[in-house]
Amino acid sequence: AGAASMRAAISVASFAGRKYQFAR
């Protein structure tokens, strides 16, 4: 229904974990 909104939802849901993964 709204790609931009959903993208934000996924980003928020996994932000902390992804930040950790991106560091390595």
mmCIF file of all heavy atoms, coordinates in Angstrom:
data_MODEL
# 
_entry.id   MODEL 
# 
loop_
_atom_site.group_PDB 
_atom_site.id 
_atom_site.type_symbol 
_atom_site.label_atom_id 
_atom_site.label_alt_id 
_atom_site.label_comp_id 
_atom_site.label_asym_id 
_atom_site.label_entity_id 
_atom_site.label_seq_id 
_atom_site.pdbx_PDB_ins_code 
_atom_site.Cartn_x 
_atom_site.Cartn_y 
_atom_site.Cartn_z 
_atom_site.occupancy 
_atom_site.B_iso_or_equiv 
_atom_site.pdbx_formal_charge 
_atom_site.auth_seq_id 
_atom_site.auth_comp_id 
_atom_site.auth_asym_id 
_atom_site.auth_atom_id 
_atom_site.pdbx_PDB_model_num 
ATOM 1   N N   . ALA A 1 1  ? 0.821  -1.205  0.000  1.00 0.00 ? 1  ALA A N   1 
ATOM 2   C CA  . ALA A 1 1  ? 0.000  0.000   0.000  1.00 0.00 ? 1  ALA A CA  1 
ATOM 3   C C   . ALA A 1 1  ? 0.854  1.253   0.000  1.00 0.00 ? 1  ALA A C   1 
ATOM 4   O O   . ALA A 1 1  ? 0.497  2.254   -0.619 1.00 0.00 ? 1  ALA A O   1 
ATOM 5   C CB  . ALA A 1 1  ? -0.918 -0.003  1.213  1.00 0.00 ? 1  ALA A CB  1 
ATOM 6   N N   . GLY A 1 2  ? 1.958  1.192   0.713  1.00 0.00 ? 2  GLY A N   1 
ATOM 7   C CA  . GLY A 1 2  ? 2.818  2.378   0.776  1.00 0.00 ? 2  GLY A CA  1 
ATOM 8   C C   . GLY A 1 2  ? 4.246  1.973   1.020  1.00 0.00 ? 2  GLY A C   1 
ATOM 9   O O   . GLY A 1 2  ? 4.637  1.716   2.152  1.00 0.00 ? 2  GLY A O   1 
ATOM 10  N N   . ALA A 1 3  ? 5.038  1.880   -0.037 1.00 0.00 ? 3  ALA A N   1 
ATOM 11  C CA  . ALA A 1 3  ? 6.394  1.346   0.072  1.00 0.00 ? 3  ALA A CA  1 
ATOM 12  C C   . ALA A 1 3  ? 7.247  2.169   1.019  1.00 0.00 ? 3  ALA A C   1 
ATOM 13  O O   . ALA A 1 3  ? 8.013  1.630   1.812  1.00 0.00 ? 3  ALA A O   1 
ATOM 14  C CB  . ALA A 1 3  ? 7.046  1.305   -1.304 1.00 0.00 ? 3  ALA A CB  1 
ATOM 15  N N   . ALA A 1 4  ? 7.125  3.450   0.961  1.00 0.00 ? 4  ALA A N   1 
ATOM 16  C CA  . ALA A 1 4  ? 7.960  4.295   1.798  1.00 0.00 ? 4  ALA A CA  1 
ATOM 17  C C   . ALA A 1 4  ? 7.652  4.085   3.277  1.00 0.00 ? 4  ALA A C   1 
ATOM 18  O O   . ALA A 1 4  ? 8.547  3.987   4.108  1.00 0.00 ? 4  ALA A O   1 
ATOM 19  C CB  . ALA A 1 4  ? 7.762  5.764   1.423  1.00 0.00 ? 4  ALA A CB  1 
ATOM 20  N N   . SER A 1 5  ? 6.381  4.002   3.615  1.00 0.00 ? 5  SER A N   1 
ATOM 21  C CA  . SER A 1 5  ? 6.001  3.793   5.011  1.00 0.00 ? 5  SER A CA  1 
ATOM 22  C C   . SER A 1 5  ? 6.495  2.461   5.518  1.00 0.00 ? 5  SER A C   1 
ATOM 23  O O   . SER A 1 5  ? 6.982  2.337   6.631  1.00 0.00 ? 5  SER A O   1 
ATOM 24  C CB  . SER A 1 5  ? 4.475  3.878   5.153  1.00 0.00 ? 5  SER A CB  1 
ATOM 25  O OG  . SER A 1 5  ? 4.022  5.154   4.787  1.00 0.00 ? 5  SER A OG  1 
ATOM 26  N N   . MET A 1 6  ? 6.343  1.430   4.688  1.00 0.00 ? 6  MET A N   1 
ATOM 27  C CA  . MET A 1 6  ? 6.774  0.108   5.097  1.00 0.00 ? 6  MET A CA  1 
ATOM 28  C C   . MET A 1 6  ? 8.274  0.052   5.286  1.00 0.00 ? 6  MET A C   1 
ATOM 29  O O   . MET A 1 6  ? 8.788  -0.576  6.206  1.00 0.00 ? 6  MET A O   1 
ATOM 30  C CB  . MET A 1 6  ? 6.331  -0.913  4.048  1.00 0.00 ? 6  MET A CB  1 
ATOM 31  C CG  . MET A 1 6  ? 6.748  -2.318  4.401  1.00 0.00 ? 6  MET A CG  1 
ATOM 32  S SD  . MET A 1 6  ? 6.205  -2.781  6.043  1.00 0.00 ? 6  MET A SD  1 
ATOM 33  C CE  . MET A 1 6  ? 7.419  -4.026  6.396  1.00 0.00 ? 6  MET A CE  1 
ATOM 34  N N   . ARG A 1 7  ? 8.993  0.713   4.388  1.00 0.00 ? 7  ARG A N   1 
ATOM 35  C CA  . ARG A 1 7  ? 10.450 0.714   4.490  1.00 0.00 ? 7  ARG A CA  1 
ATOM 36  C C   . ARG A 1 7  ? 10.885 1.301   5.830  1.00 0.00 ? 7  ARG A C   1 
ATOM 37  O O   . ARG A 1 7  ? 11.779 0.790   6.510  1.00 0.00 ? 7  ARG A O   1 
ATOM 38  C CB  . ARG A 1 7  ? 11.030 1.519   3.323  1.00 0.00 ? 7  ARG A CB  1 
ATOM 39  C CG  . ARG A 1 7  ? 12.551 1.516   3.277  1.00 0.00 ? 7  ARG A CG  1 
ATOM 40  C CD  . ARG A 1 7  ? 13.043 0.080   3.409  1.00 0.00 ? 7  ARG A CD  1 
ATOM 41  N NE  . ARG A 1 7  ? 14.459 0.066   3.352  1.00 0.00 ? 7  ARG A NE  1 
ATOM 42  C CZ  . ARG A 1 7  ? 15.154 -0.412  2.330  1.00 0.00 ? 7  ARG A CZ  1 
ATOM 43  N NH1 . ARG A 1 7  ? 14.527 -0.927  1.311  1.00 0.00 ? 7  ARG A NH1 1 
ATOM 44  N NH2 . ARG A 1 7  ? 16.451 -0.405  2.346  1.00 0.00 ? 7  ARG A NH2 1 
ATOM 45  N N   . ALA A 1 8  ? 10.183 2.345   6.225  1.00 0.00 ? 8  ALA A N   1 
ATOM 46  C CA  . ALA A 1 8  ? 10.490 2.955   7.505  1.00 0.00 ? 8  ALA A CA  1 
ATOM 47  C C   . ALA A 1 8  ? 10.195 1.988   8.645  1.00 0.00 ? 8  ALA A C   1 
ATOM 48  O O   . ALA A 1 8  ? 10.955 1.893   9.606  1.00 0.00 ? 8  ALA A O   1 
ATOM 49  C CB  . ALA A 1 8  ? 9.673  4.237   7.679  1.00 0.00 ? 8  ALA A CB  1 
ATOM 50  N N   . ALA A 1 9  ? 9.083  1.231   8.518  1.00 0.00 ? 9  ALA A N   1 
ATOM 51  C CA  . ALA A 1 9  ? 8.730  0.273   9.571  1.00 0.00 ? 9  ALA A CA  1 
ATOM 52  C C   . ALA A 1 9  ? 9.795  -0.786  9.740  1.00 0.00 ? 9  ALA A C   1 
ATOM 53  O O   . ALA A 1 9  ? 10.163 -1.144  10.856 1.00 0.00 ? 9  ALA A O   1 
ATOM 54  C CB  . ALA A 1 9  ? 7.383  -0.374  9.257  1.00 0.00 ? 9  ALA A CB  1 
ATOM 55  N N   . ILE A 1 10 ? 10.283 -1.333  8.617  1.00 0.00 ? 10 ILE A N   1 
ATOM 56  C CA  . ILE A 1 10 ? 11.326 -2.352  8.699  1.00 0.00 ? 10 ILE A CA  1 
ATOM 57  C C   . ILE A 1 10 ? 12.603 -1.764  9.294  1.00 0.00 ? 10 ILE A C   1 
ATOM 58  O O   . ILE A 1 10 ? 13.250 -2.361  10.127 1.00 0.00 ? 10 ILE A O   1 
ATOM 59  C CB  . ILE A 1 10 ? 11.616 -2.934  7.307  1.00 0.00 ? 10 ILE A CB  1 
ATOM 60  C CG1 . ILE A 1 10 ? 10.479 -3.864  6.918  1.00 0.00 ? 10 ILE A CG1 1 
ATOM 61  C CG2 . ILE A 1 10 ? 12.918 -3.723  7.303  1.00 0.00 ? 10 ILE A CG2 1 
ATOM 62  C CD1 . ILE A 1 10 ? 10.708 -4.527  5.580  1.00 0.00 ? 10 ILE A CD1 1 
ATOM 63  N N   . SER A 1 11 ? 12.933 -0.536  8.867  1.00 0.00 ? 11 SER A N   1 
ATOM 64  C CA  . SER A 1 11 ? 14.166 0.075   9.352  1.00 0.00 ? 11 SER A CA  1 
ATOM 65  C C   . SER A 1 11 ? 14.122 0.280   10.862 1.00 0.00 ? 11 SER A C   1 
ATOM 66  O O   . SER A 1 11 ? 15.083 0.017   11.573 1.00 0.00 ? 11 SER A O   1 
ATOM 67  C CB  . SER A 1 11 ? 14.390 1.411   8.634  1.00 0.00 ? 11 SER A CB  1 
ATOM 68  O OG  . SER A 1 11 ? 14.562 1.209   7.259  1.00 0.00 ? 11 SER A OG  1 
ATOM 69  N N   . VAL A 1 12 ? 12.961 0.754   11.364 1.00 0.00 ? 12 VAL A N   1 
ATOM 70  C CA  . VAL A 1 12 ? 12.834 0.989   12.792 1.00 0.00 ? 12 VAL A CA  1 
ATOM 71  C C   . VAL A 1 12 ? 12.892 -0.325  13.553 1.00 0.00 ? 12 VAL A C   1 
ATOM 72  O O   . VAL A 1 12 ? 13.556 -0.450  14.578 1.00 0.00 ? 12 VAL A O   1 
ATOM 73  C CB  . VAL A 1 12 ? 11.509 1.725   13.094 1.00 0.00 ? 12 VAL A CB  1 
ATOM 74  C CG1 . VAL A 1 12 ? 11.256 1.763   14.598 1.00 0.00 ? 12 VAL A CG1 1 
ATOM 75  C CG2 . VAL A 1 12 ? 11.567 3.139   12.540 1.00 0.00 ? 12 VAL A CG2 1 
ATOM 76  N N   . ALA A 1 13 ? 12.202 -1.355  13.001 1.00 0.00 ? 13 ALA A N   1 
ATOM 77  C CA  . ALA A 1 13 ? 12.123 -2.639  13.702 1.00 0.00 ? 13 ALA A CA  1 
ATOM 78  C C   . ALA A 1 13 ? 13.478 -3.275  13.909 1.00 0.00 ? 13 ALA A C   1 
ATOM 79  O O   . ALA A 1 13 ? 13.698 -4.002  14.872 1.00 0.00 ? 13 ALA A O   1 
ATOM 80  C CB  . ALA A 1 13 ? 11.209 -3.592  12.941 1.00 0.00 ? 13 ALA A CB  1 
ATOM 81  N N   . SER A 1 14 ? 14.393 -3.041  12.978 1.00 0.00 ? 14 SER A N   1 
ATOM 82  C CA  . SER A 1 14 ? 15.672 -3.737  13.077 1.00 0.00 ? 14 SER A CA  1 
ATOM 83  C C   . SER A 1 14 ? 16.866 -2.804  13.134 1.00 0.00 ? 14 SER A C   1 
ATOM 84  O O   . SER A 1 14 ? 17.974 -3.210  12.886 1.00 0.00 ? 14 SER A O   1 
ATOM 85  C CB  . SER A 1 14 ? 15.830 -4.676  11.873 1.00 0.00 ? 14 SER A CB  1 
ATOM 86  O OG  . SER A 1 14 ? 15.771 -3.934  10.693 1.00 0.00 ? 14 SER A OG  1 
ATOM 87  N N   . PHE A 1 15 ? 16.628 -1.534  13.502 1.00 0.00 ? 15 PHE A N   1 
ATOM 88  C CA  . PHE A 1 15 ? 17.691 -0.546  13.440 1.00 0.00 ? 15 PHE A CA  1 
ATOM 89  C C   . PHE A 1 15 ? 18.872 -0.910  14.334 1.00 0.00 ? 15 PHE A C   1 
ATOM 90  O O   . PHE A 1 15 ? 20.026 -0.879  13.917 1.00 0.00 ? 15 PHE A O   1 
ATOM 91  C CB  . PHE A 1 15 ? 17.151 0.823   13.834 1.00 0.00 ? 15 PHE A CB  1 
ATOM 92  C CG  . PHE A 1 15 ? 18.223 1.890   13.910 1.00 0.00 ? 15 PHE A CG  1 
ATOM 93  C CD1 . PHE A 1 15 ? 18.733 2.447   12.748 1.00 0.00 ? 15 PHE A CD1 1 
ATOM 94  C CD2 . PHE A 1 15 ? 18.736 2.301   15.122 1.00 0.00 ? 15 PHE A CD2 1 
ATOM 95  C CE1 . PHE A 1 15 ? 19.728 3.401   12.803 1.00 0.00 ? 15 PHE A CE1 1 
ATOM 96  C CE2 . PHE A 1 15 ? 19.727 3.251   15.175 1.00 0.00 ? 15 PHE A CE2 1 
ATOM 97  C CZ  . PHE A 1 15 ? 20.225 3.807   14.023 1.00 0.00 ? 15 PHE A CZ  1 
ATOM 98  N N   . ALA A 1 16 ? 18.550 -1.290  15.578 1.00 0.00 ? 16 ALA A N   1 
ATOM 99  C CA  . ALA A 1 16 ? 19.643 -1.561  16.523 1.00 0.00 ? 16 ALA A CA  1 
ATOM 100 C C   . ALA A 1 16 ? 20.513 -2.715  16.056 1.00 0.00 ? 16 ALA A C   1 
ATOM 101 O O   . ALA A 1 16 ? 21.732 -2.652  16.082 1.00 0.00 ? 16 ALA A O   1 
ATOM 102 C CB  . ALA A 1 16 ? 19.063 -1.866  17.901 1.00 0.00 ? 16 ALA A CB  1 
ATOM 103 N N   . GLY A 1 17 ? 19.858 -3.787  15.594 1.00 0.00 ? 17 GLY A N   1 
ATOM 104 C CA  . GLY A 1 17 ? 20.620 -4.938  15.131 1.00 0.00 ? 17 GLY A CA  1 
ATOM 105 C C   . GLY A 1 17 ? 21.428 -4.624  13.902 1.00 0.00 ? 17 GLY A C   1 
ATOM 106 O O   . GLY A 1 17 ? 22.573 -5.039  13.769 1.00 0.00 ? 17 GLY A O   1 
ATOM 107 N N   . ARG A 1 18 ? 20.832 -3.882  12.971 1.00 0.00 ? 18 ARG A N   1 
ATOM 108 C CA  . ARG A 1 18 ? 21.549 -3.555  11.734 1.00 0.00 ? 18 ARG A CA  1 
ATOM 109 C C   . ARG A 1 18 ? 22.735 -2.647  12.020 1.00 0.00 ? 18 ARG A C   1 
ATOM 110 O O   . ARG A 1 18 ? 23.791 -2.763  11.401 1.00 0.00 ? 18 ARG A O   1 
ATOM 111 C CB  . ARG A 1 18 ? 20.602 -2.887  10.736 1.00 0.00 ? 18 ARG A CB  1 
ATOM 112 C CG  . ARG A 1 18 ? 19.724 -3.895  10.013 1.00 0.00 ? 18 ARG A CG  1 
ATOM 113 C CD  . ARG A 1 18 ? 18.879 -3.228  8.984  1.00 0.00 ? 18 ARG A CD  1 
ATOM 114 N NE  . ARG A 1 18 ? 18.110 -4.224  8.247  1.00 0.00 ? 18 ARG A NE  1 
ATOM 115 C CZ  . ARG A 1 18 ? 17.109 -3.954  7.446  1.00 0.00 ? 18 ARG A CZ  1 
ATOM 116 N NH1 . ARG A 1 18 ? 16.741 -2.719  7.269  1.00 0.00 ? 18 ARG A NH1 1 
ATOM 117 N NH2 . ARG A 1 18 ? 16.465 -4.906  6.814  1.00 0.00 ? 18 ARG A NH2 1 
ATOM 118 N N   . LYS A 1 19 ? 22.573 -1.739  12.950 1.00 0.00 ? 19 LYS A N   1 
ATOM 119 C CA  . LYS A 1 19 ? 23.684 -0.859  13.302 1.00 0.00 ? 19 LYS A CA  1 
ATOM 120 C C   . LYS A 1 19 ? 24.869 -1.683  13.776 1.00 0.00 ? 19 LYS A C   1 
ATOM 121 O O   . LYS A 1 19 ? 26.017 -1.432  13.414 1.00 0.00 ? 19 LYS A O   1 
ATOM 122 C CB  . LYS A 1 19 ? 23.235 0.121   14.387 1.00 0.00 ? 19 LYS A CB  1 
ATOM 123 C CG  . LYS A 1 19 ? 24.313 1.142   14.760 1.00 0.00 ? 19 LYS A CG  1 
ATOM 124 C CD  . LYS A 1 19 ? 23.777 2.130   15.776 1.00 0.00 ? 19 LYS A CD  1 
ATOM 125 C CE  . LYS A 1 19 ? 24.854 3.153   16.144 1.00 0.00 ? 19 LYS A CE  1 
ATOM 126 N NZ  . LYS A 1 19 ? 24.371 4.112   17.158 1.00 0.00 ? 19 LYS A NZ  1 
ATOM 127 N N   . TYR A 1 20 ? 24.564 -2.702  14.572 1.00 0.00 ? 20 TYR A N   1 
ATOM 128 C CA  . TYR A 1 20 ? 25.630 -3.591  15.053 1.00 0.00 ? 20 TYR A CA  1 
ATOM 129 C C   . TYR A 1 20 ? 26.266 -4.342  13.884 1.00 0.00 ? 20 TYR A C   1 
ATOM 130 O O   . TYR A 1 20 ? 27.498 -4.458  13.800 1.00 0.00 ? 20 TYR A O   1 
ATOM 131 C CB  . TYR A 1 20 ? 25.043 -4.581  16.057 1.00 0.00 ? 20 TYR A CB  1 
ATOM 132 C CG  . TYR A 1 20 ? 25.986 -5.706  16.408 1.00 0.00 ? 20 TYR A CG  1 
ATOM 133 C CD1 . TYR A 1 20 ? 27.055 -5.511  17.278 1.00 0.00 ? 20 TYR A CD1 1 
ATOM 134 C CD2 . TYR A 1 20 ? 25.800 -6.976  15.857 1.00 0.00 ? 20 TYR A CD2 1 
ATOM 135 C CE1 . TYR A 1 20 ? 27.912 -6.548  17.594 1.00 0.00 ? 20 TYR A CE1 1 
ATOM 136 C CE2 . TYR A 1 20 ? 26.656 -8.010  16.172 1.00 0.00 ? 20 TYR A CE2 1 
ATOM 137 C CZ  . TYR A 1 20 ? 27.707 -7.794  17.036 1.00 0.00 ? 20 TYR A CZ  1 
ATOM 138 O OH  . TYR A 1 20 ? 28.555 -8.817  17.343 1.00 0.00 ? 20 TYR A OH  1 
ATOM 139 N N   . GLN A 1 21 ? 25.428 -4.854  12.978 1.00 0.00 ? 21 GLN A N   1 
ATOM 140 C CA  . GLN A 1 21 ? 25.956 -5.632  11.861 1.00 0.00 ? 21 GLN A CA  1 
ATOM 141 C C   . GLN A 1 21 ? 26.768 -4.747  10.917 1.00 0.00 ? 21 GLN A C   1 
ATOM 142 O O   . GLN A 1 21 ? 27.808 -5.160  10.407 1.00 0.00 ? 21 GLN A O   1 
ATOM 143 C CB  . GLN A 1 21 ? 24.811 -6.296  11.094 1.00 0.00 ? 21 GLN A CB  1 
ATOM 144 C CG  . GLN A 1 21 ? 24.033 -7.310  11.913 1.00 0.00 ? 21 GLN A CG  1 
ATOM 145 C CD  . GLN A 1 21 ? 24.884 -8.490  12.311 1.00 0.00 ? 21 GLN A CD  1 
ATOM 146 O OE1 . GLN A 1 21 ? 25.937 -8.725  11.730 1.00 0.00 ? 21 GLN A OE1 1 
ATOM 147 N NE2 . GLN A 1 21 ? 24.447 -9.232  13.304 1.00 0.00 ? 21 GLN A NE2 1 
ATOM 148 N N   . PHE A 1 22 ? 26.285 -3.523  10.650 1.00 0.00 ? 22 PHE A N   1 
ATOM 149 C CA  . PHE A 1 22 ? 27.006 -2.657  9.720  1.00 0.00 ? 22 PHE A CA  1 
ATOM 150 C C   . PHE A 1 22 ? 28.399 -2.319  10.245 1.00 0.00 ? 22 PHE A C   1 
ATOM 151 O O   . PHE A 1 22 ? 29.331 -2.083  9.486  1.00 0.00 ? 22 PHE A O   1 
ATOM 152 C CB  . PHE A 1 22 ? 26.238 -1.356  9.479  1.00 0.00 ? 22 PHE A CB  1 
ATOM 153 C CG  . PHE A 1 22 ? 24.940 -1.561  8.741  1.00 0.00 ? 22 PHE A CG  1 
ATOM 154 C CD1 . PHE A 1 22 ? 23.926 -0.619  8.818  1.00 0.00 ? 22 PHE A CD1 1 
ATOM 155 C CD2 . PHE A 1 22 ? 24.749 -2.693  7.975  1.00 0.00 ? 22 PHE A CD2 1 
ATOM 156 C CE1 . PHE A 1 22 ? 22.744 -0.817  8.141  1.00 0.00 ? 22 PHE A CE1 1 
ATOM 157 C CE2 . PHE A 1 22 ? 23.561 -2.892  7.293  1.00 0.00 ? 22 PHE A CE2 1 
ATOM 158 C CZ  . PHE A 1 22 ? 22.551 -1.954  7.379  1.00 0.00 ? 22 PHE A CZ  1 
ATOM 159 N N   . ALA A 1 23 ? 28.550 -2.298  11.567 1.00 0.00 ? 23 ALA A N   1 
ATOM 160 C CA  . ALA A 1 23 ? 29.836 -1.946  12.158 1.00 0.00 ? 23 ALA A CA  1 
ATOM 161 C C   . ALA A 1 23 ? 30.915 -2.937  11.782 1.00 0.00 ? 23 ALA A C   1 
ATOM 162 O O   . ALA A 1 23 ? 32.096 -2.609  11.778 1.00 0.00 ? 23 ALA A O   1 
ATOM 163 C CB  . ALA A 1 23 ? 29.699 -1.862  13.678 1.00 0.00 ? 23 ALA A CB  1 
ATOM 164 N N   . ARG A 1 24 ? 30.514 -4.178  11.434 1.00 0.00 ? 24 ARG A N   1 
ATOM 165 C CA  . ARG A 1 24 ? 31.517 -5.184  11.092 1.00 0.00 ? 24 ARG A CA  1 
ATOM 166 C C   . ARG A 1 24 ? 31.500 -5.573  9.618  1.00 0.00 ? 24 ARG A C   1 
ATOM 167 O O   . ARG A 1 24 ? 31.989 -6.623  9.245  1.00 0.00 ? 24 ARG A O   1 
ATOM 168 C CB  . ARG A 1 24 ? 31.338 -6.426  11.975 1.00 0.00 ? 24 ARG A CB  1 
ATOM 169 C CG  . ARG A 1 24 ? 30.002 -7.099  11.877 1.00 0.00 ? 24 ARG A CG  1 
ATOM 170 C CD  . ARG A 1 24 ? 29.873 -8.155  12.967 1.00 0.00 ? 24 ARG A CD  1 
ATOM 171 N NE  . ARG A 1 24 ? 28.622 -8.867  12.929 1.00 0.00 ? 24 ARG A NE  1 
ATOM 172 C CZ  . ARG A 1 24 ? 28.420 -10.007 12.289 1.00 0.00 ? 24 ARG A CZ  1 
ATOM 173 N NH1 . ARG A 1 24 ? 29.399 -10.552 11.619 1.00 0.00 ? 24 ARG A NH1 1 
ATOM 174 N NH2 . ARG A 1 24 ? 27.244 -10.594 12.310 1.00 0.00 ? 24 ARG A NH2 1 
# 
